[in-house]
């Protein structure tokens, strides 16, 4: 099969106002946001920090 790209839009970089990652918890939900374009590099360290910070407690 063949396809043609009609439109491609990219502008979203998942970052916060202070450009730092944030780990937030609310009962059974943990959110890790703001890794920007370096998320694939920072993710292991941020998850380790989250786990050491008490997510599993």
N, C-alpha and C. Protein backbone atom coordinates (compact mmCIF):
# COMPACT_ATOMS: atom_id res chain seq x y z
N UNK A 1 0.84 -1.18 0.00
CA UNK A 1 0.00 0.00 0.00
C UNK A 1 0.88 1.24 0.00
N UNK A 2 0.37 2.29 -0.56
CA UNK A 2 1.06 3.57 -0.58
C UNK A 2 0.21 4.61 0.14
N UNK A 3 0.89 5.60 0.67
CA UNK A 3 0.18 6.69 1.35
C UNK A 3 0.92 7.99 1.09
N UNK A 4 0.21 9.06 1.25
CA UNK A 4 0.79 10.39 1.07
C UNK A 4 0.54 11.18 2.35
N UNK A 5 1.57 11.82 2.87
CA UNK A 5 1.42 12.66 4.06
C UNK A 5 0.76 13.95 3.63
N UNK A 6 -0.42 14.21 4.17
CA UNK A 6 -1.18 15.40 3.81
C UNK A 6 -0.78 16.59 4.66
N UNK A 7 -0.59 16.35 5.96
CA UNK A 7 -0.27 17.43 6.87
C UNK A 7 0.49 16.86 8.06
N UNK A 8 1.47 17.58 8.53
CA UNK A 8 2.21 17.15 9.70
C UNK A 8 2.46 18.38 10.56
N UNK A 9 1.99 18.33 11.79
CA UNK A 9 2.12 19.46 12.70
C UNK A 9 2.81 18.99 13.97
N UNK A 10 3.89 19.64 14.34
CA UNK A 10 4.55 19.36 15.61
C UNK A 10 4.90 20.69 16.25
N UNK A 11 4.56 20.84 17.47
CA UNK A 11 4.89 22.04 18.24
C UNK A 11 4.91 21.75 19.73
N UNK A 12 4.40 20.63 20.11
CA UNK A 12 4.22 20.32 21.53
C UNK A 12 5.49 19.72 22.13
N UNK A 13 6.07 20.42 23.06
CA UNK A 13 7.18 19.89 23.84
C UNK A 13 6.70 19.84 25.28
N UNK A 14 6.62 18.65 25.87
CA UNK A 14 6.06 18.51 27.21
C UNK A 14 6.99 19.06 28.29
N UNK A 15 6.87 20.34 28.55
CA UNK A 15 7.71 20.98 29.56
C UNK A 15 6.85 21.82 30.49
N UNK A 16 7.37 22.12 31.64
CA UNK A 16 6.68 22.97 32.60
C UNK A 16 7.29 24.36 32.56
N UNK A 17 6.67 25.30 33.22
CA UNK A 17 7.12 26.71 33.17
C UNK A 17 8.57 26.90 33.64
N UNK A 18 8.99 26.11 34.63
CA UNK A 18 10.36 26.26 35.15
C UNK A 18 11.36 25.34 34.45
N UNK A 19 10.90 24.61 33.43
CA UNK A 19 11.74 23.70 32.64
C UNK A 19 12.35 22.56 33.45
N UNK A 20 11.75 22.24 34.59
CA UNK A 20 12.22 21.13 35.41
C UNK A 20 11.15 20.04 35.45
N UNK A 21 11.56 18.78 35.51
CA UNK A 21 10.57 17.71 35.63
C UNK A 21 9.86 17.78 36.98
N UNK A 22 8.64 17.29 37.02
CA UNK A 22 7.87 17.30 38.26
C UNK A 22 7.29 15.92 38.52
N UNK A 23 7.35 15.50 39.77
CA UNK A 23 6.75 14.24 40.21
C UNK A 23 5.67 14.61 41.21
N UNK A 24 4.43 14.28 40.90
CA UNK A 24 3.32 14.56 41.81
C UNK A 24 2.55 13.28 42.08
N UNK A 25 1.98 13.21 43.28
CA UNK A 25 1.20 12.04 43.67
C UNK A 25 -0.16 12.47 44.20
N UNK A 26 -1.16 11.67 43.89
CA UNK A 26 -2.51 11.89 44.38
C UNK A 26 -3.15 10.53 44.61
N UNK A 27 -3.19 10.10 45.84
CA UNK A 27 -3.69 8.78 46.22
C UNK A 27 -2.97 7.69 45.43
N UNK A 28 -3.62 7.06 44.47
CA UNK A 28 -3.02 5.95 43.73
C UNK A 28 -2.44 6.36 42.38
N UNK A 29 -2.38 7.64 42.10
CA UNK A 29 -1.91 8.13 40.81
C UNK A 29 -0.60 8.89 40.97
N UNK A 30 0.39 8.52 40.21
CA UNK A 30 1.67 9.23 40.20
C UNK A 30 1.87 9.82 38.82
N UNK A 31 2.22 11.10 38.77
CA UNK A 31 2.46 11.77 37.50
C UNK A 31 3.91 12.22 37.43
N UNK A 32 4.55 11.91 36.32
CA UNK A 32 5.91 12.38 36.05
C UNK A 32 5.84 13.13 34.74
N UNK A 33 5.99 14.45 34.81
CA UNK A 33 5.83 15.30 33.63
C UNK A 33 6.98 16.28 33.49
N UNK A 34 7.05 16.91 32.33
CA UNK A 34 7.99 17.99 32.10
C UNK A 34 9.38 17.55 31.71
N UNK A 35 9.51 16.40 31.06
CA UNK A 35 10.85 15.91 30.68
C UNK A 35 11.34 16.51 29.37
N UNK A 36 10.50 17.28 28.70
CA UNK A 36 10.85 17.97 27.45
C UNK A 36 11.37 16.96 26.44
N UNK A 37 12.24 17.35 25.57
CA UNK A 37 12.71 16.45 24.51
C UNK A 37 13.76 15.47 25.00
N UNK A 38 14.21 15.65 26.23
CA UNK A 38 15.24 14.77 26.78
C UNK A 38 14.63 13.65 27.62
N UNK A 39 13.34 13.45 27.51
CA UNK A 39 12.64 12.47 28.34
C UNK A 39 13.21 11.08 28.26
N UNK A 40 13.58 10.66 27.07
CA UNK A 40 14.11 9.30 26.93
C UNK A 40 15.45 9.14 27.63
N UNK A 41 16.17 10.23 27.84
CA UNK A 41 17.44 10.17 28.57
C UNK A 41 17.22 10.33 30.07
N UNK A 42 16.30 11.20 30.45
CA UNK A 42 16.06 11.49 31.86
C UNK A 42 15.13 10.50 32.55
N UNK A 43 14.31 9.80 31.80
CA UNK A 43 13.29 8.94 32.39
C UNK A 43 13.83 7.95 33.42
N UNK A 44 14.91 7.21 33.15
CA UNK A 44 15.40 6.27 34.16
C UNK A 44 15.76 6.95 35.49
N UNK A 45 16.42 8.08 35.44
CA UNK A 45 16.81 8.79 36.66
C UNK A 45 15.60 9.35 37.39
N UNK A 46 14.64 9.87 36.64
CA UNK A 46 13.45 10.45 37.26
C UNK A 46 12.60 9.35 37.91
N UNK A 47 12.46 8.21 37.26
CA UNK A 47 11.71 7.10 37.85
C UNK A 47 12.41 6.59 39.10
N UNK A 48 13.73 6.50 39.06
CA UNK A 48 14.48 6.08 40.25
C UNK A 48 14.25 7.05 41.39
N UNK A 49 14.28 8.34 41.09
CA UNK A 49 14.02 9.36 42.11
C UNK A 49 12.60 9.22 42.66
N UNK A 50 11.65 8.96 41.79
CA UNK A 50 10.27 8.79 42.24
C UNK A 50 10.14 7.57 43.15
N UNK A 51 10.76 6.47 42.77
CA UNK A 51 10.70 5.26 43.58
C UNK A 51 11.39 5.46 44.92
N UNK A 52 12.52 6.14 44.93
CA UNK A 52 13.23 6.42 46.18
C UNK A 52 12.48 7.43 47.03
N UNK A 53 11.64 8.23 46.40
CA UNK A 53 10.87 9.25 47.11
C UNK A 53 9.65 8.72 47.82
N UNK A 54 9.36 7.44 47.68
CA UNK A 54 8.29 6.87 48.47
C UNK A 54 7.07 6.39 47.72
N UNK A 55 7.14 6.24 46.42
CA UNK A 55 5.97 5.77 45.69
C UNK A 55 5.56 4.38 46.14
N UNK A 56 6.52 3.53 46.45
CA UNK A 56 6.22 2.15 46.82
C UNK A 56 5.86 1.99 48.29
N UNK A 57 5.93 3.05 49.07
CA UNK A 57 5.63 2.95 50.51
C UNK A 57 4.15 2.90 50.75
